[in-house]
Amino acid sequence: MIVRMWEATVVPGQYDAAVEWVRHDLVKRALFTAGCMAAEILVHEGTPESVVLLTRWDVAPVFEEGPPDDLFVRARAQHFQTLRPEIT
């Protein structure tokens, strides 16, 4: 399984609009992309405010965000391969 972590710092004063965009646009696009198995939104309401979207994939994701510039100061994505823990 591949876990894709998309994280973005929110423009000050745009927290509600940024979370709404992630919830109703980004998550919807991810879940309707072949290979996406699940999505989870994490938020940080401190300073600076930020949003993280974790998506789980059974294939390498071919998915682009294109976040609105007026909602996010910085956004980036990383892909992580899951490993089984070894317990001895």
N, C-alpha and C. Protein backbone atom coordinates (compact mmCIF):
# COMPACT_ATOMS: atom_id res chain seq x y z
N MET A 1 0.85 -1.17 0.00
CA MET A 1 0.00 0.00 0.00
C MET A 1 0.89 1.24 0.00
N ILE A 2 0.44 2.26 -0.67
CA ILE A 2 1.12 3.54 -0.70
C ILE A 2 0.26 4.56 0.04
N VAL A 3 0.89 5.30 0.93
CA VAL A 3 0.19 6.38 1.63
C VAL A 3 0.72 7.69 1.06
N ARG A 4 -0.18 8.53 0.62
CA ARG A 4 0.20 9.83 0.08
C ARG A 4 -0.18 10.87 1.11
N MET A 5 0.80 11.68 1.51
CA MET A 5 0.54 12.74 2.47
C MET A 5 0.66 14.08 1.76
N TRP A 6 -0.45 14.78 1.68
CA TRP A 6 -0.48 16.12 1.12
C TRP A 6 -0.65 17.06 2.29
N GLU A 7 0.22 18.04 2.42
CA GLU A 7 0.10 18.98 3.52
C GLU A 7 0.22 20.40 3.00
N ALA A 8 -0.50 21.30 3.65
CA ALA A 8 -0.49 22.69 3.22
C ALA A 8 -0.66 23.63 4.41
N THR A 9 0.06 24.73 4.35
CA THR A 9 -0.11 25.79 5.33
C THR A 9 -1.16 26.75 4.80
N VAL A 10 -2.11 27.11 5.64
CA VAL A 10 -3.26 27.92 5.24
C VAL A 10 -2.92 29.41 5.30
N VAL A 11 -3.39 30.16 4.32
CA VAL A 11 -3.27 31.62 4.34
C VAL A 11 -4.03 32.13 5.56
N PRO A 12 -3.43 33.03 6.36
CA PRO A 12 -4.13 33.56 7.54
C PRO A 12 -5.53 34.08 7.18
N GLY A 13 -6.50 33.67 7.98
CA GLY A 13 -7.88 34.10 7.78
C GLY A 13 -8.67 33.23 6.80
N GLN A 14 -8.04 32.22 6.22
CA GLN A 14 -8.71 31.38 5.22
C GLN A 14 -8.91 29.94 5.68
N TYR A 15 -8.81 29.69 6.99
CA TYR A 15 -8.89 28.33 7.50
C TYR A 15 -10.18 27.61 7.08
N ASP A 16 -11.33 28.21 7.33
CA ASP A 16 -12.61 27.55 7.00
C ASP A 16 -12.72 27.25 5.51
N ALA A 17 -12.35 28.22 4.67
CA ALA A 17 -12.42 28.02 3.23
C ALA A 17 -11.44 26.95 2.76
N ALA A 18 -10.26 26.91 3.37
CA ALA A 18 -9.25 25.92 3.00
C ALA A 18 -9.71 24.52 3.35
N VAL A 19 -10.24 24.33 4.55
CA VAL A 19 -10.75 23.02 4.97
C VAL A 19 -11.91 22.61 4.07
N GLU A 20 -12.76 23.53 3.75
CA GLU A 20 -13.90 23.25 2.86
C GLU A 20 -13.41 22.79 1.48
N TRP A 21 -12.39 23.46 0.94
CA TRP A 21 -11.85 23.06 -0.37
C TRP A 21 -11.29 21.65 -0.30
N VAL A 22 -10.52 21.35 0.73
CA VAL A 22 -9.95 20.01 0.87
C VAL A 22 -11.07 18.98 0.98
N ARG A 23 -12.05 19.27 1.82
CA ARG A 23 -13.14 18.33 2.09
C ARG A 23 -14.00 18.06 0.84
N HIS A 24 -14.34 19.10 0.10
CA HIS A 24 -15.32 18.94 -0.99
C HIS A 24 -14.72 18.89 -2.39
N ASP A 25 -13.45 19.22 -2.52
CA ASP A 25 -12.83 19.17 -3.85
C ASP A 25 -11.71 18.14 -3.88
N LEU A 26 -10.71 18.33 -3.06
CA LEU A 26 -9.54 17.46 -3.08
C LEU A 26 -9.88 16.01 -2.71
N VAL A 27 -10.63 15.82 -1.64
CA VAL A 27 -11.00 14.45 -1.23
C VAL A 27 -11.86 13.79 -2.30
N LYS A 28 -12.79 14.53 -2.84
CA LYS A 28 -13.68 13.97 -3.86
C LYS A 28 -12.89 13.53 -5.09
N ARG A 29 -11.94 14.37 -5.54
CA ARG A 29 -11.12 14.00 -6.69
C ARG A 29 -10.26 12.77 -6.40
N ALA A 30 -9.71 12.70 -5.19
CA ALA A 30 -8.87 11.55 -4.83
C ALA A 30 -9.71 10.27 -4.84
N LEU A 31 -10.84 10.30 -4.16
CA LEU A 31 -11.65 9.09 -4.04
C LEU A 31 -12.23 8.61 -5.36
N PHE A 32 -12.35 9.50 -6.34
CA PHE A 32 -12.84 9.11 -7.66
C PHE A 32 -11.71 8.79 -8.63
N THR A 33 -10.47 8.76 -8.13
CA THR A 33 -9.33 8.38 -8.95
C THR A 33 -9.05 6.90 -8.73
N ALA A 34 -8.87 6.17 -9.82
CA ALA A 34 -8.64 4.73 -9.72
C ALA A 34 -7.46 4.43 -8.81
N GLY A 35 -7.64 3.49 -7.91
CA GLY A 35 -6.58 3.06 -7.01
C GLY A 35 -6.65 3.66 -5.63
N CYS A 36 -7.44 4.73 -5.44
CA CYS A 36 -7.56 5.34 -4.12
C CYS A 36 -8.51 4.51 -3.27
N MET A 37 -8.03 4.11 -2.09
CA MET A 37 -8.81 3.24 -1.21
C MET A 37 -9.45 3.99 -0.05
N ALA A 38 -8.84 5.09 0.39
CA ALA A 38 -9.35 5.81 1.55
C ALA A 38 -8.73 7.20 1.63
N ALA A 39 -9.39 8.08 2.38
CA ALA A 39 -8.88 9.43 2.59
C ALA A 39 -9.18 9.86 4.02
N GLU A 40 -8.26 10.62 4.59
CA GLU A 40 -8.42 11.12 5.96
C GLU A 40 -7.86 12.53 6.03
N ILE A 41 -8.63 13.45 6.61
CA ILE A 41 -8.21 14.84 6.75
C ILE A 41 -7.76 15.08 8.19
N LEU A 42 -6.60 15.72 8.34
CA LEU A 42 -6.08 16.12 9.64
C LEU A 42 -5.90 17.63 9.60
N VAL A 43 -6.24 18.32 10.69
CA VAL A 43 -6.10 19.77 10.73
C VAL A 43 -5.32 20.20 11.97
N HIS A 44 -4.64 21.32 11.82
CA HIS A 44 -3.94 21.95 12.94
C HIS A 44 -4.45 23.37 13.01
N GLU A 45 -5.11 23.71 14.12
CA GLU A 45 -5.71 25.03 14.26
C GLU A 45 -4.80 26.02 14.97
N GLY A 46 -3.54 25.62 15.23
CA GLY A 46 -2.58 26.51 15.87
C GLY A 46 -1.99 27.48 14.87
N THR A 47 -0.82 28.03 15.23
CA THR A 47 -0.16 28.98 14.34
C THR A 47 1.09 28.34 13.79
N PRO A 48 1.24 28.19 12.50
CA PRO A 48 0.24 28.50 11.47
C PRO A 48 -0.78 27.37 11.34
N GLU A 49 -1.95 27.72 10.85
CA GLU A 49 -2.97 26.71 10.61
C GLU A 49 -2.56 25.87 9.40
N SER A 50 -2.85 24.58 9.46
CA SER A 50 -2.49 23.72 8.35
C SER A 50 -3.48 22.58 8.19
N VAL A 51 -3.45 21.98 7.00
CA VAL A 51 -4.33 20.87 6.66
C VAL A 51 -3.47 19.77 6.05
N VAL A 52 -3.76 18.53 6.45
CA VAL A 52 -3.07 17.37 5.90
C VAL A 52 -4.14 16.42 5.36
N LEU A 53 -3.89 15.89 4.17
CA LEU A 53 -4.77 14.86 3.62
C LEU A 53 -3.93 13.62 3.42
N LEU A 54 -4.34 12.54 4.10
CA LEU A 54 -3.71 11.24 3.92
C LEU A 54 -4.61 10.41 3.03
N THR A 55 -4.06 9.89 1.95
CA THR A 55 -4.82 8.99 1.09
C THR A 55 -4.06 7.67 0.99
N ARG A 56 -4.80 6.59 0.87
CA ARG A 56 -4.21 5.26 0.77
C ARG A 56 -4.52 4.70 -0.61
N TRP A 57 -3.49 4.13 -1.23
CA TRP A 57 -3.58 3.69 -2.62
C TRP A 57 -3.09 2.26 -2.76
N ASP A 58 -3.71 1.51 -3.66
CA ASP A 58 -3.23 0.16 -3.96
C ASP A 58 -2.30 0.17 -5.17
N VAL A 59 -2.15 1.30 -5.81
CA VAL A 59 -1.22 1.51 -6.93
C VAL A 59 -0.57 2.87 -6.73
N ALA A 60 0.49 3.14 -7.47
CA ALA A 60 1.12 4.46 -7.38
C ALA A 60 0.12 5.53 -7.80
N PRO A 61 -0.09 6.54 -6.95
CA PRO A 61 -1.08 7.57 -7.26
C PRO A 61 -0.68 8.42 -8.47
N VAL A 62 -1.63 8.65 -9.33
CA VAL A 62 -1.47 9.60 -10.43
C VAL A 62 -2.53 10.67 -10.21
N PHE A 63 -2.25 11.56 -9.31
CA PHE A 63 -3.25 12.49 -8.81
C PHE A 63 -2.57 13.81 -8.52
N GLU A 64 -3.09 14.88 -9.06
CA GLU A 64 -2.53 16.21 -8.81
C GLU A 64 -3.56 17.08 -8.11
N GLU A 65 -3.09 17.90 -7.18
CA GLU A 65 -4.00 18.71 -6.38
C GLU A 65 -4.39 20.02 -7.04
N GLY A 66 -3.42 20.86 -7.39
CA GLY A 66 -3.71 22.18 -7.93
C GLY A 66 -4.44 23.05 -6.93
N PRO A 67 -3.88 23.26 -5.71
CA PRO A 67 -4.59 24.03 -4.70
C PRO A 67 -4.69 25.50 -5.07
N PRO A 68 -5.78 26.15 -4.68
CA PRO A 68 -5.94 27.59 -4.96
C PRO A 68 -4.89 28.42 -4.21
N ASP A 69 -4.25 29.34 -4.90
CA ASP A 69 -3.21 30.19 -4.30
C ASP A 69 -3.75 31.09 -3.20
N ASP A 70 -5.04 31.42 -3.25
CA ASP A 70 -5.59 32.33 -2.25
C ASP A 70 -5.91 31.62 -0.93
N LEU A 71 -5.76 30.29 -0.87
CA LEU A 71 -6.07 29.54 0.36
C LEU A 71 -4.83 28.99 1.06
N PHE A 72 -3.76 28.76 0.32
CA PHE A 72 -2.60 28.10 0.89
C PHE A 72 -1.31 28.86 0.62
N VAL A 73 -0.48 28.96 1.65
CA VAL A 73 0.82 29.59 1.52
C VAL A 73 1.79 28.63 0.85
N ARG A 74 1.74 27.37 1.26
CA ARG A 74 2.66 26.34 0.78
C ARG A 74 1.93 25.01 0.79
N ALA A 75 2.15 24.21 -0.23
CA ALA A 75 1.57 22.87 -0.27
C ALA A 75 2.58 21.92 -0.89
N ARG A 76 2.60 20.68 -0.38
CA ARG A 76 3.48 19.67 -0.95
C ARG A 76 2.90 18.29 -0.69
N ALA A 77 3.36 17.33 -1.48
CA ALA A 77 2.90 15.96 -1.33
C ALA A 77 4.11 15.04 -1.28
N GLN A 78 3.97 13.97 -0.50
CA GLN A 78 4.99 12.94 -0.40
C GLN A 78 4.30 11.58 -0.45
N HIS A 79 5.00 10.61 -1.00
CA HIS A 79 4.47 9.24 -1.06
C HIS A 79 5.30 8.37 -0.13
N PHE A 80 4.62 7.54 0.63
CA PHE A 80 5.27 6.62 1.57
C PHE A 80 4.81 5.21 1.25
N GLN A 81 5.75 4.30 1.25
CA GLN A 81 5.45 2.88 1.06
C GLN A 81 5.30 2.27 2.45
N THR A 82 4.26 1.51 2.69
CA THR A 82 4.07 0.88 3.99
C THR A 82 4.97 -0.35 4.10
N LEU A 83 5.51 -0.55 5.30
CA LEU A 83 6.32 -1.73 5.62
C LEU A 83 5.70 -2.42 6.81
N ARG A 84 5.78 -3.71 6.83
CA ARG A 84 5.29 -4.47 7.99
C ARG A 84 6.34 -4.39 9.10
N PRO A 85 5.92 -4.10 10.34
CA PRO A 85 6.89 -4.07 11.42
C PRO A 85 7.39 -5.48 11.71
N GLU A 86 8.65 -5.55 12.04
CA GLU A 86 9.24 -6.85 12.41
C GLU A 86 9.34 -6.92 13.93
N ILE A 87 8.62 -7.85 14.50
CA ILE A 87 8.61 -8.03 15.96
C ILE A 87 9.41 -9.30 16.25
N THR A 88 10.44 -9.14 17.06
CA THR A 88 11.27 -10.32 17.37
C THR A 88 11.18 -10.66 18.84
